[in-house]
Structures are given as C-alpha cells and as structure tokens.
Amino acid sequence: MATLSVRMDDEVKNAFDAFCESVGLTPSAAVNLFAKMTLRENRIPFDIKGSSDPYWNKSNLAYLRKSVAEIEAGHYQAHDLIEDD
C-alpha cells in the first residue's frame, strides 16, 4: 500500500472528517472512492463549477442584466409583494 499526503486548511479537514464519520467512512476510504471513480470514469466524477451558487450562472446573469436594462429604460410594472402563508 502507498501513502498519499494532502495539504488542506484545518477547517476543511475538520469538516471533511466530520462528514466522513457521519456517513460511516474514514477520510482515507473517501479519498480512495474518489480515486477509483476518477479512474473508472476517466474524469473527475462530479461537475466543477466556478461558483457553488447557481444564482450566478451565465444564463441567470444574462437574464438579470436584461431585466436591469429594461428597468433602467422605464419598461417595468410595479407589483405588490405577495407573501406565502
């Protein structure tokens, strides 16, 4: 067996350790699962995105810019806020 050393922030390591424990894995087993899935799929086994917040994706930003431009041009209709009970 080989040993792999990984550097990470203490906060990330502590959170990762806690997560692994909560799902019944050791951190070593979780990293091994990641490595095996990467090799099996020949890719990182999850999507890597620039932001973890889907609000900031390209299509939503384009829609927001368009909406702001319409408001600035005076093309909008004010509505009352309807609260869900």
N, C-alpha and C. Protein backbone atom coordinates (compact mmCIF):
# COMPACT_ATOMS: atom_id res chain seq x y z
N MET A 1 0.84 -1.19 0.00
CA MET A 1 0.00 0.00 0.00
C MET A 1 0.88 1.25 0.00
N ALA A 2 0.47 2.24 -0.78
CA ALA A 2 1.19 3.51 -0.84
C ALA A 2 0.49 4.52 0.06
N THR A 3 1.19 5.57 0.42
CA THR A 3 0.64 6.64 1.23
C THR A 3 0.57 7.91 0.40
N LEU A 4 -0.55 8.61 0.51
CA LEU A 4 -0.75 9.88 -0.18
C LEU A 4 -0.95 10.95 0.88
N SER A 5 -0.15 11.99 0.84
CA SER A 5 -0.32 13.11 1.77
C SER A 5 -0.96 14.26 1.03
N VAL A 6 -1.94 14.89 1.66
CA VAL A 6 -2.66 16.00 1.04
C VAL A 6 -2.68 17.17 2.02
N ARG A 7 -2.39 18.35 1.53
CA ARG A 7 -2.47 19.55 2.37
C ARG A 7 -3.82 20.21 2.17
N MET A 8 -4.45 20.60 3.27
CA MET A 8 -5.70 21.35 3.20
C MET A 8 -5.85 22.18 4.46
N ASP A 9 -6.70 23.18 4.38
CA ASP A 9 -6.96 24.03 5.54
C ASP A 9 -7.50 23.18 6.69
N ASP A 10 -7.14 23.57 7.91
CA ASP A 10 -7.62 22.84 9.09
C ASP A 10 -9.15 22.78 9.14
N GLU A 11 -9.79 23.90 8.80
CA GLU A 11 -11.26 23.96 8.84
C GLU A 11 -11.87 22.97 7.84
N VAL A 12 -11.31 22.89 6.65
CA VAL A 12 -11.80 21.96 5.63
C VAL A 12 -11.59 20.53 6.10
N LYS A 13 -10.41 20.24 6.64
CA LYS A 13 -10.11 18.88 7.11
C LYS A 13 -11.08 18.47 8.22
N ASN A 14 -11.30 19.35 9.18
CA ASN A 14 -12.21 19.02 10.28
C ASN A 14 -13.63 18.77 9.78
N ALA A 15 -14.10 19.60 8.85
CA ALA A 15 -15.44 19.41 8.29
C ALA A 15 -15.51 18.12 7.49
N PHE A 16 -14.45 17.82 6.72
CA PHE A 16 -14.40 16.58 5.93
C PHE A 16 -14.39 15.36 6.84
N ASP A 17 -13.59 15.41 7.90
CA ASP A 17 -13.56 14.31 8.87
C ASP A 17 -14.95 14.07 9.46
N ALA A 18 -15.62 15.16 9.84
CA ALA A 18 -16.95 15.05 10.43
C ALA A 18 -17.95 14.48 9.42
N PHE A 19 -17.87 14.94 8.17
CA PHE A 19 -18.77 14.41 7.14
C PHE A 19 -18.53 12.92 6.96
N CYS A 20 -17.28 12.53 6.81
CA CYS A 20 -16.96 11.11 6.60
C CYS A 20 -17.50 10.26 7.74
N GLU A 21 -17.30 10.73 8.97
CA GLU A 21 -17.81 9.99 10.12
C GLU A 21 -19.33 9.86 10.07
N SER A 22 -20.00 10.93 9.63
CA SER A 22 -21.47 10.92 9.59
C SER A 22 -22.03 9.92 8.57
N VAL A 23 -21.23 9.59 7.56
CA VAL A 23 -21.70 8.62 6.55
C VAL A 23 -21.00 7.27 6.69
N GLY A 24 -20.25 7.11 7.78
CA GLY A 24 -19.65 5.82 8.07
C GLY A 24 -18.38 5.49 7.28
N LEU A 25 -17.66 6.50 6.86
CA LEU A 25 -16.41 6.30 6.13
C LEU A 25 -15.26 6.94 6.88
N THR A 26 -14.08 6.44 6.62
CA THR A 26 -12.88 7.15 7.06
C THR A 26 -12.50 8.12 5.95
N PRO A 27 -11.77 9.17 6.26
CA PRO A 27 -11.30 10.06 5.20
C PRO A 27 -10.48 9.30 4.15
N SER A 28 -9.69 8.34 4.58
CA SER A 28 -8.89 7.54 3.65
C SER A 28 -9.79 6.77 2.68
N ALA A 29 -10.87 6.18 3.21
CA ALA A 29 -11.80 5.44 2.34
C ALA A 29 -12.48 6.37 1.35
N ALA A 30 -12.83 7.58 1.79
CA ALA A 30 -13.49 8.55 0.90
C ALA A 30 -12.55 8.97 -0.23
N VAL A 31 -11.28 9.22 0.09
CA VAL A 31 -10.32 9.60 -0.95
C VAL A 31 -10.09 8.43 -1.90
N ASN A 32 -10.05 7.20 -1.38
CA ASN A 32 -9.91 6.02 -2.24
C ASN A 32 -11.11 5.87 -3.17
N LEU A 33 -12.32 6.13 -2.66
CA LEU A 33 -13.51 6.09 -3.52
C LEU A 33 -13.40 7.11 -4.65
N PHE A 34 -12.97 8.32 -4.30
CA PHE A 34 -12.79 9.37 -5.30
C PHE A 34 -11.79 8.91 -6.37
N ALA A 35 -10.64 8.37 -5.94
CA ALA A 35 -9.61 7.93 -6.90
C ALA A 35 -10.13 6.81 -7.80
N LYS A 36 -10.83 5.86 -7.24
CA LYS A 36 -11.34 4.73 -8.03
C LYS A 36 -12.40 5.19 -9.03
N MET A 37 -13.30 6.08 -8.60
CA MET A 37 -14.32 6.59 -9.53
C MET A 37 -13.69 7.42 -10.64
N THR A 38 -12.67 8.21 -10.29
CA THR A 38 -11.97 9.02 -11.30
C THR A 38 -11.35 8.12 -12.36
N LEU A 39 -10.71 7.05 -11.93
CA LEU A 39 -10.08 6.13 -12.88
C LEU A 39 -11.12 5.35 -13.69
N ARG A 40 -12.20 4.93 -13.04
CA ARG A 40 -13.25 4.18 -13.74
C ARG A 40 -13.92 5.03 -14.81
N GLU A 41 -14.21 6.29 -14.48
CA GLU A 41 -14.92 7.17 -15.41
C GLU A 41 -13.98 7.97 -16.30
N ASN A 42 -12.69 7.93 -15.99
CA ASN A 42 -11.67 8.67 -16.73
C ASN A 42 -11.97 10.17 -16.76
N ARG A 43 -12.47 10.67 -15.63
CA ARG A 43 -12.79 12.09 -15.47
C ARG A 43 -13.01 12.35 -13.99
N ILE A 44 -13.04 13.61 -13.60
CA ILE A 44 -13.44 13.95 -12.23
C ILE A 44 -14.92 13.57 -12.12
N PRO A 45 -15.30 12.78 -11.11
CA PRO A 45 -16.66 12.24 -11.06
C PRO A 45 -17.74 13.20 -10.57
N PHE A 46 -17.53 14.49 -10.75
CA PHE A 46 -18.54 15.49 -10.44
C PHE A 46 -18.23 16.74 -11.24
N ASP A 47 -19.23 17.61 -11.38
CA ASP A 47 -19.04 18.85 -12.13
C ASP A 47 -18.24 19.84 -11.29
N ILE A 48 -17.28 20.48 -11.93
CA ILE A 48 -16.51 21.52 -11.27
C ILE A 48 -17.00 22.84 -11.84
N LYS A 49 -17.53 23.68 -10.98
CA LYS A 49 -18.11 24.94 -11.41
C LYS A 49 -17.35 26.09 -10.78
N GLY A 50 -17.38 27.23 -11.44
CA GLY A 50 -16.69 28.40 -10.94
C GLY A 50 -17.29 28.95 -9.67
N SER A 51 -18.54 28.69 -9.47
CA SER A 51 -19.20 29.17 -8.27
C SER A 51 -20.15 28.11 -7.77
N SER A 52 -20.20 27.94 -6.47
CA SER A 52 -21.10 26.94 -5.92
C SER A 52 -22.53 27.46 -5.83
N ASP A 53 -22.72 28.72 -6.11
CA ASP A 53 -24.04 29.32 -6.03
C ASP A 53 -24.65 29.39 -7.43
N PRO A 54 -25.71 28.59 -7.72
CA PRO A 54 -26.30 28.57 -9.06
C PRO A 54 -26.91 29.90 -9.47
N TYR A 55 -27.13 30.80 -8.52
CA TYR A 55 -27.68 32.11 -8.84
C TYR A 55 -26.79 32.85 -9.82
N TRP A 56 -25.48 32.62 -9.76
CA TRP A 56 -24.53 33.37 -10.55
C TRP A 56 -24.15 32.69 -11.86
N ASN A 57 -24.95 31.72 -12.34
CA ASN A 57 -24.60 31.07 -13.61
C ASN A 57 -24.81 32.04 -14.78
N LYS A 58 -24.21 31.73 -15.93
CA LYS A 58 -24.20 32.65 -17.07
C LYS A 58 -25.59 33.03 -17.55
N SER A 59 -26.48 32.06 -17.66
CA SER A 59 -27.81 32.37 -18.20
C SER A 59 -28.60 33.24 -17.23
N ASN A 60 -28.46 33.00 -15.93
CA ASN A 60 -29.16 33.83 -14.96
C ASN A 60 -28.59 35.25 -14.94
N LEU A 61 -27.27 35.37 -15.04
CA LEU A 61 -26.67 36.71 -15.09
C LEU A 61 -27.12 37.47 -16.33
N ALA A 62 -27.23 36.79 -17.46
CA ALA A 62 -27.69 37.44 -18.68
C ALA A 62 -29.13 37.92 -18.50
N TYR A 63 -29.98 37.10 -17.88
CA TYR A 63 -31.37 37.48 -17.64
C TYR A 63 -31.43 38.68 -16.70
N LEU A 64 -30.61 38.67 -15.65
CA LEU A 64 -30.59 39.79 -14.71
C LEU A 64 -30.14 41.09 -15.39
N ARG A 65 -29.11 41.00 -16.24
CA ARG A 65 -28.64 42.20 -16.96
C ARG A 65 -29.73 42.75 -17.87
N LYS A 66 -30.44 41.84 -18.55
CA LYS A 66 -31.53 42.25 -19.43
C LYS A 66 -32.64 42.92 -18.61
N SER A 67 -32.97 42.34 -17.47
CA SER A 67 -34.01 42.91 -16.62
C SER A 67 -33.63 44.29 -16.11
N VAL A 68 -32.37 44.46 -15.69
CA VAL A 68 -31.89 45.75 -15.20
C VAL A 68 -31.96 46.79 -16.33
N ALA A 69 -31.56 46.39 -17.52
CA ALA A 69 -31.61 47.32 -18.67
C ALA A 69 -33.04 47.75 -18.95
N GLU A 70 -33.98 46.82 -18.86
CA GLU A 70 -35.39 47.16 -19.09
C GLU A 70 -35.90 48.12 -18.02
N ILE A 71 -35.53 47.88 -16.77
CA ILE A 71 -35.95 48.76 -15.68
C ILE A 71 -35.37 50.16 -15.88
N GLU A 72 -34.07 50.20 -16.22
CA GLU A 72 -33.42 51.49 -16.43
C GLU A 72 -34.04 52.25 -17.60
N ALA A 73 -34.58 51.52 -18.57
CA ALA A 73 -35.24 52.15 -19.72
C ALA A 73 -36.69 52.50 -19.42
N GLY A 74 -37.14 52.20 -18.20
CA GLY A 74 -38.50 52.53 -17.80
C GLY A 74 -39.55 51.51 -18.22
N HIS A 75 -39.12 50.34 -18.67
CA HIS A 75 -40.05 49.29 -19.10
C HIS A 75 -40.25 48.27 -17.98
N TYR A 76 -41.13 48.64 -17.03
CA TYR A 76 -41.43 47.72 -15.95
C TYR A 76 -42.78 48.06 -15.38
N GLN A 77 -43.30 47.13 -14.59
CA GLN A 77 -44.57 47.36 -13.92
C GLN A 77 -44.38 46.95 -12.46
N ALA A 78 -44.66 47.85 -11.53
CA ALA A 78 -44.52 47.57 -10.11
C ALA A 78 -45.64 46.64 -9.66
N HIS A 79 -45.30 45.73 -8.76
CA HIS A 79 -46.26 44.79 -8.20
C HIS A 79 -46.14 44.78 -6.69
N ASP A 80 -47.24 44.49 -6.02
CA ASP A 80 -47.19 44.31 -4.57
C ASP A 80 -46.58 42.96 -4.27
N LEU A 81 -45.90 42.86 -3.14
CA LEU A 81 -45.32 41.62 -2.69
C LEU A 81 -46.41 40.70 -2.18
N ILE A 82 -46.47 39.50 -2.68
CA ILE A 82 -47.45 38.52 -2.22
C ILE A 82 -46.70 37.51 -1.36
N GLU A 83 -47.03 37.46 -0.08
CA GLU A 83 -46.35 36.55 0.83
C GLU A 83 -47.10 35.24 0.92
N ASP A 84 -46.35 34.17 0.94
CA ASP A 84 -46.92 32.83 1.05
C ASP A 84 -47.14 32.51 2.53
N ASP A 85 -48.33 32.07 2.86
CA ASP A 85 -48.63 31.76 4.28
C ASP A 85 -48.07 30.44 4.70
